Amino acid sequence: MTDVPQVILGAHFPGVNHTTVWSDPASGSHIHFDSFARFAQAAERGKFDFLFLAEGLRLREQGGHIHDLDVVGRPDTLPVLAGLAAVTQHLGLAGTINATFNEPTEVARQFATLDHLSAGRAAWNVVTSSDAFTGENFRRGGYLPRDQRYVRAEEFLDAARAQWDSWEAPADETAGTEPAPFQVSSTQFEISGQVTFPRPPQGHPVIFQAGDSAAGRDFAARNADAVFTRHGTPEAGRAFYADLKSRVAAAGRTPEHVKVLPGATFVVADTDAEAVELADHIRHQQVSGQTALRLLEQVWNRDLSGYDPDGPLPEIEPETGETTIIQGRARHVDDPHEAVAKLRRLAEEHGYSLRETAIASQARQNFIGSPQTVAHQIIDAVATGVSDGFILVPHLTPSGLDPFVDRVVPLLQERGALRTDYPERATLRDLLGLPTPITLKESTA
């Protein structure tokens, strides 16, 4: 009998974007703590590995106006995760914190605190920004060129690790000990002192990374424990998986110690046919005509408001150079001309309108079908090198995870692909099968 792979599952509270169907009566608050608590407790009921929170540091603007999908904003990540530590017992707590507009000592202390409060369940998704628009909210606004963003991120992470490692003993062995002084001298930081907290229970919080550029992949290969990626379709997923794991090996690390976890949406219904019909309905709710134009403006870097969403794609070429249409956008298009060409090939192949092309191009790895079909798709993806698991993004919060937990999770457990209970006193590193970082003393022994 073929061994069934263990599937890593994360639950992404989707924040403010076009994934969430705001018009649905079941759509709840993205501010009230009850929404976060209910979502996290559903994930824990399903024996998920972790909950994932994204971050937005400024409301995006498009054509000089606040993007209509951003008007609610987002609460601060770390207080939410600290609150969730009190209403969950086993679930990992992963938060996105920007390395461009923060300082290492502050972030190191915050994540060490979360790791202590949660008994070893903290994770930090390290992200960067070279966006001067976002930077206007901060003292360092606009100063960092794009080619330096990962330089700062790596030096930032090194500085945080120096502080986590400076107090050798774990929290329950600190009596009579004191931290060694730390000193960091790099192109971005000149800091020294003593930390005010014992070594985190996990040694270091689990490190996530979500950048997809070549520089981002190399940064992940050297530093990350897990990578949150958009490459989840079978072909793209396997290509990214192989590329990332090869970079990890080239960096002198063990490929199995870096987990590849695409974001994935799902639709579960009684039959495959019903799920396909429901998925089509949800996608059209998520991407209105106006939203489609906004999404494609990010690729063209042009005002497309004069185009008919139900008509063809624009025949004009994208505007390259510094972004002017979108300010504060979440991701950069490395090659706009190739991105446009890909969209045109997609539209031509299927006869799609502008809106239909936007809908199709925004789809991540979608698991659509009966509970049996979705469980099989997930297990097969992990078994065939698409990923090590998935970070599930429901279209409703806080109740959107329930159909998966109630109907798919039991089948994954029955197949042996998912735990039926959490190990006693397991940290997030334990759940993910990651090693505990050695201390400075151990590394020099």
Protein backbone atom coordinates (compact mmCIF):
# COMPACT_ATOMS: atom_id res chain seq x y z
CA MET A 1 0.00 0.00 0.00
CA THR A 2 1.36 3.42 -0.95
CA ASP A 3 2.18 5.65 2.00
CA VAL A 4 -0.19 8.59 2.33
CA PRO A 5 1.69 11.89 2.82
CA GLN A 6 1.02 14.05 5.85
CA VAL A 7 -0.70 17.25 4.74
CA ILE A 8 0.15 20.59 6.38
CA LEU A 9 -2.90 22.83 6.70
CA GLY A 10 -3.00 26.53 7.47
CA ALA A 11 -6.09 28.73 7.72
CA HIS A 12 -5.80 32.24 6.30
CA PHE A 13 -8.18 34.84 7.70
CA PRO A 14 -8.46 36.64 4.37
CA GLY A 15 -8.50 40.24 5.47
CA VAL A 16 -9.74 42.92 3.11
CA ASN A 17 -9.60 41.83 -0.52
CA HIS A 18 -11.72 40.44 -3.32
CA THR A 19 -11.59 36.88 -1.93
CA THR A 20 -14.29 37.67 0.60
CA VAL A 21 -17.88 37.93 -0.61
CA TRP A 22 -18.94 40.96 1.41
CA SER A 23 -22.55 40.87 0.18
CA ASP A 24 -23.24 37.42 1.59
CA PRO A 25 -25.43 37.55 4.74
CA ALA A 26 -23.02 35.14 6.43
CA SER A 27 -20.08 37.52 5.99
CA GLY A 28 -19.05 38.84 9.39
CA SER A 29 -16.83 41.53 10.88
CA HIS A 30 -13.11 41.74 10.17
CA ILE A 31 -12.58 43.91 13.23
CA HIS A 32 -14.44 42.25 16.11
CA PHE A 33 -12.39 39.73 18.03
CA ASP A 34 -15.23 37.21 17.99
CA SER A 35 -14.70 36.74 14.24
CA PHE A 36 -11.02 35.91 14.72
CA ALA A 37 -11.75 33.65 17.69
CA ARG A 38 -14.46 31.69 15.88
CA PHE A 39 -12.25 31.27 12.82
CA ALA A 40 -9.25 30.11 14.88
CA GLN A 41 -11.33 27.69 16.92
CA ALA A 42 -12.74 26.15 13.73
CA ALA A 43 -9.19 25.63 12.47
CA GLU A 44 -8.17 24.05 15.75
CA ARG A 45 -11.25 21.82 15.70
CA GLY A 46 -10.02 20.65 12.30
CA LYS A 47 -6.53 19.93 13.70
CA PHE A 48 -4.93 22.52 11.40
CA ASP A 49 -1.29 23.41 11.93
CA PHE A 50 -1.65 27.19 12.08
CA LEU A 51 -3.69 30.33 11.46
CA PHE A 52 -2.20 32.96 9.15
CA LEU A 53 -2.80 36.73 9.24
CA ALA A 54 -1.71 39.10 6.49
CA GLU A 55 -0.94 42.78 7.04
CA GLY A 56 -1.75 46.07 5.38
CA LEU A 57 0.18 49.18 6.41
CA ARG A 58 -1.74 51.68 4.30
CA LEU A 59 -5.02 51.69 2.40
CA ARG A 60 -4.33 51.30 -1.30
CA GLU A 61 -5.25 54.03 -3.75
CA GLN A 62 -6.19 53.54 -7.35
CA GLY A 63 -6.68 56.49 -9.66
CA GLY A 64 -6.33 58.77 -6.65
CA HIS A 65 -9.12 57.10 -4.67
CA ILE A 66 -9.05 54.58 -1.85
CA HIS A 67 -9.57 51.12 -3.31
CA ASP A 68 -13.13 50.00 -2.57
CA LEU A 69 -11.88 46.63 -1.25
CA ASP A 70 -9.67 48.30 1.36
CA VAL A 71 -12.07 50.67 3.07
CA VAL A 72 -12.36 48.57 6.24
CA GLY A 73 -8.63 48.31 6.80
CA ARG A 74 -7.04 45.72 9.07
CA PRO A 75 -6.48 45.54 12.82
CA ASP A 76 -2.91 45.16 14.03
CA THR A 77 -1.60 41.61 13.70
CA LEU A 78 0.19 40.95 16.97
CA PRO A 79 -2.58 41.97 19.42
CA VAL A 80 -5.00 39.75 17.50
CA LEU A 81 -2.61 36.78 17.68
CA ALA A 82 -1.97 37.39 21.38
CA GLY A 83 -5.71 37.31 21.98
CA LEU A 84 -6.04 34.11 19.98
CA ALA A 85 -3.32 32.49 22.09
CA ALA A 86 -5.74 32.72 25.02
CA VAL A 87 -8.68 31.03 23.23
CA THR A 88 -6.74 28.23 21.49
CA GLN A 89 -4.39 25.56 22.85
CA HIS A 90 -2.59 23.95 19.93
CA LEU A 91 -2.98 26.06 16.79
CA GLY A 92 0.10 27.85 15.43
CA LEU A 93 -0.21 31.64 15.20
CA ALA A 94 1.48 33.18 12.14
CA GLY A 95 1.58 36.93 11.66
CA THR A 96 2.90 39.14 8.86
CA ILE A 97 5.22 41.92 10.02
CA ASN A 98 7.12 44.18 7.64
CA ALA A 99 10.91 44.25 7.89
CA THR A 100 11.18 47.56 6.05
CA PHE A 101 9.23 49.80 8.43
CA ASN A 102 9.99 48.20 11.81
CA GLU A 103 13.05 47.68 14.02
CA PRO A 104 14.66 44.33 14.96
CA THR A 105 14.69 44.75 18.74
CA GLU A 106 11.01 45.61 18.87
CA VAL A 107 9.92 42.79 16.55
CA ALA A 108 12.22 40.22 18.21
CA ARG A 109 10.68 41.03 21.58
CA GLN A 110 7.13 40.96 20.23
CA PHE A 111 7.47 37.52 18.62
CA ALA A 112 9.40 36.13 21.60
CA THR A 113 6.55 37.34 23.80
CA LEU A 114 3.95 35.72 21.55
CA ASP A 115 5.95 32.48 21.57
CA HIS A 116 6.02 32.50 25.38
CA LEU A 117 2.34 33.42 25.74
CA SER A 118 1.32 30.64 23.35
CA ALA A 119 3.78 28.00 24.65
CA GLY A 120 5.72 27.82 21.40
CA ARG A 121 3.16 28.52 18.67
CA ALA A 122 4.44 31.77 17.12
CA ALA A 123 5.41 32.31 13.49
CA TRP A 124 6.59 35.44 11.68
CA ASN A 125 5.89 36.02 8.00
CA VAL A 126 8.76 38.31 6.98
CA VAL A 127 7.72 40.72 4.23
CA THR A 128 9.34 43.76 2.66
CA SER A 129 8.29 46.95 0.91
CA SER A 130 10.06 49.46 -1.30
CA ASP A 131 6.82 51.38 -1.75
CA ALA A 132 7.31 55.04 -0.93
CA PHE A 133 3.53 55.50 -0.74
CA THR A 134 3.28 53.01 2.10
CA GLY A 135 6.42 54.47 3.61
CA GLU A 136 4.77 57.87 4.04
CA ASN A 137 3.11 56.42 7.14
CA PHE A 138 6.57 55.86 8.65
CA ARG A 139 9.68 57.81 9.55
CA ARG A 140 11.70 55.93 6.93
CA GLY A 141 9.17 56.47 4.18
CA GLY A 142 10.47 56.13 0.66
CA TYR A 143 14.14 55.84 1.53
CA LEU A 144 14.74 52.19 0.60
CA PRO A 145 15.45 51.28 -3.04
CA ARG A 146 13.86 48.06 -4.28
CA ASP A 147 17.21 46.31 -4.71
CA GLN A 148 17.94 46.79 -1.00
CA ARG A 149 14.69 45.49 0.46
CA TYR A 150 15.91 41.91 0.92
CA VAL A 151 19.30 43.15 2.13
CA ARG A 152 17.49 44.91 4.97
CA ALA A 153 15.15 41.95 5.54
CA GLU A 154 18.03 39.50 5.91
CA GLU A 155 20.00 41.81 8.18
CA PHE A 156 16.80 42.46 10.15
CA LEU A 157 16.22 38.73 10.62
CA ASP A 158 19.87 38.16 11.56
CA ALA A 159 19.55 40.90 14.20
CA ALA A 160 16.39 39.33 15.61
CA ARG A 161 18.05 35.91 15.76
CA ALA A 162 21.06 37.38 17.55
CA GLN A 163 18.71 38.60 20.25
CA TRP A 164 16.71 35.35 20.50
CA ASP A 165 20.00 33.49 20.84
CA SER A 166 21.61 35.83 23.37
CA TRP A 167 19.75 34.29 26.31
CA GLU A 168 20.88 30.69 26.02
CA ALA A 169 18.58 28.99 28.51
CA PRO A 170 14.86 28.39 27.92
CA ALA A 171 12.40 30.25 30.13
CA ASP A 172 12.08 27.54 32.78
CA GLU A 173 15.87 27.33 33.24
CA THR A 174 16.75 31.00 33.60
CA ALA A 175 17.15 31.15 37.39
CA GLY A 176 20.58 32.49 38.16
CA THR A 177 21.39 33.19 34.50
CA GLU A 178 21.53 36.37 32.53
CA PRO A 179 21.60 37.17 28.81
CA ALA A 180 24.85 37.74 27.04
CA PRO A 181 25.21 41.16 25.46
CA PHE A 182 24.39 41.21 21.77
CA GLN A 183 25.88 43.43 19.10
CA VAL A 184 24.78 43.80 15.49
CA SER A 185 26.74 45.79 12.94
CA SER A 186 25.56 45.73 9.33
CA THR A 187 24.67 48.02 6.46
CA GLN A 188 21.20 48.61 7.92
CA PHE A 189 21.67 48.29 11.68
CA GLU A 190 24.09 49.33 14.40
CA ILE A 191 22.58 48.08 17.65
CA SER A 192 23.79 46.49 20.89
CA GLY A 193 22.53 45.76 24.36
CA GLN A 194 20.84 43.01 26.34
CA VAL A 195 17.45 41.46 25.69
CA THR A 196 14.68 41.68 28.28
CA PHE A 197 13.16 38.25 27.61
CA PRO A 198 14.27 34.59 27.88
CA ARG A 199 14.92 32.49 24.80
CA PRO A 200 11.61 31.68 23.02
CA PRO A 201 10.23 28.17 23.62
CA GLN A 202 10.85 27.26 19.96
CA GLY A 203 14.34 28.77 19.99
CA HIS A 204 13.21 31.00 17.11
CA PRO A 205 9.60 31.52 16.04
CA VAL A 206 8.86 29.74 12.76
CA ILE A 207 9.86 31.98 9.84
CA PHE A 208 7.52 32.33 6.86
CA GLN A 209 8.26 34.19 3.63
CA ALA A 210 5.96 35.14 0.75
CA GLY A 211 8.09 36.90 -1.91
CA ASP A 212 8.12 35.33 -5.37
CA SER A 213 10.90 37.20 -7.17
CA ALA A 214 14.29 35.57 -7.68
CA ALA A 215 15.62 37.61 -4.76
CA GLY A 216 12.64 36.57 -2.66
CA ARG A 217 13.16 32.89 -3.44
CA ASP A 218 16.85 33.12 -2.56
CA PHE A 219 15.99 34.89 0.69
CA ALA A 220 13.53 32.08 1.51
CA ALA A 221 16.07 29.40 0.63
CA ARG A 222 18.57 30.87 3.10
CA ASN A 223 16.18 31.87 5.88
CA ALA A 224 12.62 30.56 5.78
CA ASP A 225 11.02 27.57 7.45
CA ALA A 226 7.94 27.85 5.23
CA VAL A 227 7.00 29.70 2.05
CA PHE A 228 3.51 31.06 1.35
CA THR A 229 3.19 31.02 -2.44
CA ARG A 230 0.62 31.71 -5.14
CA HIS A 231 1.89 28.80 -7.26
CA GLY A 232 -0.66 26.13 -6.49
CA THR A 233 -1.94 24.77 -9.79
CA PRO A 234 -0.33 21.38 -10.44
CA GLU A 235 2.07 22.51 -13.19
CA ALA A 236 3.07 25.83 -11.66
CA GLY A 237 3.17 24.32 -8.19
CA ARG A 238 5.57 21.54 -9.13
CA ALA A 239 7.85 23.97 -10.96
CA PHE A 240 7.97 26.33 -7.98
CA TYR A 241 8.37 23.45 -5.52
CA ALA A 242 11.33 22.01 -7.43
CA ASP A 243 12.94 25.43 -7.92
CA LEU A 244 12.60 26.43 -4.28
CA LYS A 245 13.84 23.10 -2.91
CA SER A 246 16.87 23.22 -5.24
CA ARG A 247 17.69 26.72 -3.97
CA VAL A 248 17.41 25.46 -0.39
CA ALA A 249 19.88 22.67 -1.12
CA ALA A 250 22.24 25.10 -2.86
CA ALA A 251 22.13 27.26 0.27
CA GLY A 252 23.40 24.29 2.29
CA ARG A 253 20.13 23.54 4.04
CA THR A 254 17.92 20.44 4.14
CA PRO A 255 15.09 20.82 1.58
CA GLU A 256 12.62 18.98 3.85
CA HIS A 257 13.11 21.72 6.43
CA VAL A 258 11.51 24.38 4.21
CA LYS A 259 7.80 23.80 3.64
CA VAL A 260 6.09 25.02 0.47
CA LEU A 261 2.51 26.07 1.21
CA PRO A 262 0.39 27.68 -1.55
CA GLY A 263 -2.67 29.71 -0.75
CA ALA A 264 -5.76 27.80 -1.87
CA THR A 265 -9.47 28.43 -2.10
CA PHE A 266 -12.03 25.66 -1.86
CA VAL A 267 -15.69 25.00 -2.55
CA VAL A 268 -17.36 21.92 -1.08
CA ALA A 269 -20.84 20.66 -2.00
CA ASP A 270 -22.72 17.36 -2.02
CA THR A 271 -21.63 16.53 -5.58
CA ASP A 272 -18.87 17.67 -7.93
CA ALA A 273 -21.41 19.23 -10.29
CA GLU A 274 -23.01 21.24 -7.50
CA ALA A 275 -19.59 22.41 -6.32
CA VAL A 276 -18.60 23.57 -9.82
CA GLU A 277 -21.82 25.55 -10.12
CA LEU A 278 -21.36 27.09 -6.68
CA ALA A 279 -17.72 27.96 -7.41
CA ASP A 280 -18.67 29.82 -10.58
CA HIS A 281 -21.28 31.78 -8.64
CA ILE A 282 -18.76 32.67 -5.92
CA ARG A 283 -16.11 33.82 -8.41
CA HIS A 284 -18.53 36.16 -10.10
CA GLN A 285 -19.52 37.54 -6.69
CA GLN A 286 -15.87 38.10 -5.82
CA VAL A 287 -14.85 39.84 -9.06
CA SER A 288 -17.37 42.39 -10.25
CA GLY A 289 -16.81 44.28 -13.49
CA GLN A 290 -15.25 47.19 -11.61
CA THR A 291 -13.06 44.89 -9.54
CA ALA A 292 -11.87 43.20 -12.74
CA LEU A 293 -10.79 46.55 -14.14
CA ARG A 294 -8.96 47.39 -10.91
CA LEU A 295 -7.15 44.06 -10.92
CA LEU A 296 -6.00 44.38 -14.53
CA GLU A 297 -4.93 47.99 -14.01
CA GLN A 298 -2.30 46.55 -11.67
CA VAL A 299 -0.85 44.65 -14.65
CA TRP A 300 -1.23 47.34 -17.31
CA ASN A 301 -0.32 50.18 -14.93
CA ARG A 302 -2.85 52.26 -16.86
CA ASP A 303 -6.29 53.68 -16.24
CA LEU A 304 -8.66 51.10 -17.78
CA SER A 305 -11.90 52.64 -16.53
CA GLY A 306 -12.98 53.39 -20.10
CA TYR A 307 -13.01 49.69 -21.05
CA ASP A 308 -16.07 47.46 -20.97
CA PRO A 309 -15.60 44.62 -18.42
CA ASP A 310 -17.73 42.42 -20.68
CA GLY A 311 -15.67 43.32 -23.75
CA PRO A 312 -12.20 42.19 -24.87
CA LEU A 313 -8.91 42.89 -23.17
CA PRO A 314 -7.25 46.24 -23.96
CA GLU A 315 -5.13 46.20 -27.11
CA ILE A 316 -2.70 48.74 -25.68
CA GLU A 317 0.58 47.69 -24.11
CA PRO A 318 1.30 48.11 -20.39
CA GLU A 319 3.03 51.18 -19.02
CA THR A 320 6.38 50.18 -17.55
CA GLY A 321 8.43 51.98 -14.97
CA GLU A 322 7.38 53.40 -11.63
CA THR A 323 3.78 52.62 -10.70
CA THR A 324 1.48 55.60 -11.02
CA ILE A 325 -2.01 54.09 -11.22
CA ILE A 326 -1.77 51.88 -8.12
CA GLN A 327 -0.31 53.10 -4.86
CA GLY A 328 0.29 50.64 -2.04
CA ARG A 329 -0.39 47.58 -4.15
CA ALA A 330 0.40 44.21 -2.65
CA ARG A 331 2.68 42.74 -5.32
CA HIS A 332 4.92 43.87 -8.14
CA VAL A 333 4.66 42.53 -11.70
CA ASP A 334 8.25 41.74 -12.71
CA ASP A 335 7.55 41.62 -16.47
CA PRO A 336 4.33 43.47 -17.38
CA HIS A 337 4.65 42.67 -21.09
CA GLU A 338 4.87 38.93 -20.43
CA ALA A 339 2.01 39.17 -17.90
CA VAL A 340 -0.20 40.88 -20.49
CA ALA A 341 0.78 38.36 -23.17
CA LYS A 342 -0.18 35.54 -20.80
CA LEU A 343 -3.57 37.14 -20.14
CA ARG A 344 -4.17 37.52 -23.88
CA ARG A 345 -3.32 33.87 -24.50
CA LEU A 346 -5.76 32.88 -21.74
CA ALA A 347 -8.53 35.07 -23.17
CA GLU A 348 -7.97 33.84 -26.73
CA GLU A 349 -7.87 30.18 -25.76
CA HIS A 350 -11.17 30.30 -23.88
CA GLY A 351 -12.94 33.22 -25.56
CA TYR A 352 -12.97 35.15 -22.30
CA SER A 353 -14.11 38.74 -21.81
CA LEU A 354 -12.03 41.16 -19.76
CA ARG A 355 -13.92 40.27 -16.58
CA GLU A 356 -13.79 36.53 -17.27
CA THR A 357 -10.04 36.78 -17.88
CA ALA A 358 -9.58 38.58 -14.58
CA ILE A 359 -11.61 35.90 -12.80
CA ALA A 360 -9.64 33.07 -14.38
CA SER A 361 -6.25 34.68 -13.81
CA GLN A 362 -6.95 35.38 -10.14
CA ALA A 363 -7.83 31.77 -9.32
CA ARG A 364 -5.37 30.06 -7.03
CA GLN A 365 -5.25 26.30 -6.54
CA ASN A 366 -8.99 25.75 -6.23
CA PHE A 367 -10.24 22.58 -4.64
CA ILE A 368 -13.75 22.20 -5.97
CA GLY A 369 -15.99 19.18 -5.53
CA SER A 370 -17.60 16.79 -3.12
CA PRO A 371 -15.82 16.17 0.19
CA GLN A 372 -14.36 12.97 -1.27
CA THR A 373 -13.07 14.77 -4.37
CA VAL A 374 -11.49 17.64 -2.41
CA ALA A 375 -9.79 15.27 0.04
CA HIS A 376 -8.39 13.25 -2.87
CA GLN A 377 -7.18 16.38 -4.70
CA ILE A 378 -5.30 17.64 -1.64
CA ILE A 379 -3.63 14.31 -0.88
CA ASP A 380 -2.67 13.84 -4.54
CA ALA A 381 -1.17 17.34 -4.76
CA VAL A 382 1.10 16.73 -1.78
CA ALA A 383 1.99 13.22 -2.97
CA THR A 384 3.01 14.45 -6.44
CA GLY A 385 5.25 17.37 -5.44
CA VAL A 386 2.88 20.32 -5.85
CA SER A 387 3.44 21.39 -2.25
CA ASP A 388 3.86 20.22 1.33
CA GLY A 389 0.35 21.38 2.17
CA PHE A 390 -1.94 24.35 1.67
CA ILE A 391 -3.02 27.56 3.38
CA LEU A 392 -6.77 27.60 2.90
CA VAL A 393 -8.48 30.91 2.19
CA PRO A 394 -12.29 30.72 2.52
CA HIS A 395 -14.58 33.19 0.76
CA LEU A 396 -16.50 33.91 3.97
CA THR A 397 -15.40 34.84 7.47
CA PRO A 398 -15.71 33.75 10.13
CA SER A 399 -17.82 30.74 9.07
CA GLY A 400 -16.18 29.89 5.75
CA LEU A 401 -13.82 27.27 7.14
CA ASP A 402 -16.65 25.17 8.63
CA PRO A 403 -17.61 23.15 5.50
CA PHE A 404 -14.00 22.04 5.08
CA VAL A 405 -13.55 21.18 8.75
CA ASP A 406 -16.85 19.35 9.03
CA ARG A 407 -16.80 17.45 5.73
CA VAL A 408 -13.26 17.19 4.34
CA VAL A 409 -11.13 16.90 7.47
CA PRO A 410 -12.72 13.58 8.58
CA LEU A 411 -11.84 12.08 5.18
CA LEU A 412 -8.24 13.31 5.37
CA GLN A 413 -8.01 11.77 8.82
CA GLU A 414 -9.55 8.52 7.60
CA ARG A 415 -6.92 8.33 4.85
CA GLY A 416 -4.13 8.98 7.37
CA ALA A 417 -3.15 12.31 5.80
CA LEU A 418 -4.05 14.47 8.81
CA ARG A 419 -3.66 14.00 12.54
CA THR A 420 -6.70 13.00 14.58
CA ASP A 421 -5.38 14.87 17.60
CA TYR A 422 -2.53 17.18 18.49
CA PRO A 423 0.59 15.76 20.17
CA GLU A 424 0.84 16.75 23.81
CA ARG A 425 2.70 20.03 24.39
CA ALA A 426 3.74 20.25 20.73
CA THR A 427 5.19 23.51 19.44
CA LEU A 428 4.46 24.75 15.93
CA ARG A 429 7.91 23.54 14.91
CA ASP A 430 6.94 20.09 16.17
CA LEU A 431 3.70 20.14 14.16
CA LEU A 432 5.53 21.14 10.98
CA GLY A 433 8.41 18.70 11.47
CA LEU A 434 11.02 21.47 11.76
CA PRO A 435 14.21 21.35 13.81
CA THR A 436 14.76 23.58 16.82
CA PRO A 437 17.48 26.17 16.06
CA ILE A 438 20.68 25.55 17.95
CA THR A 439 21.93 28.14 20.41
CA LEU A 440 25.05 30.20 19.88
CA LYS A 441 26.76 28.10 22.54
CA GLU A 442 25.88 24.89 20.72
CA SER A 443 27.03 26.27 17.36
CA THR A 444 30.48 27.13 18.72
CA ALA A 445 30.93 23.97 20.81
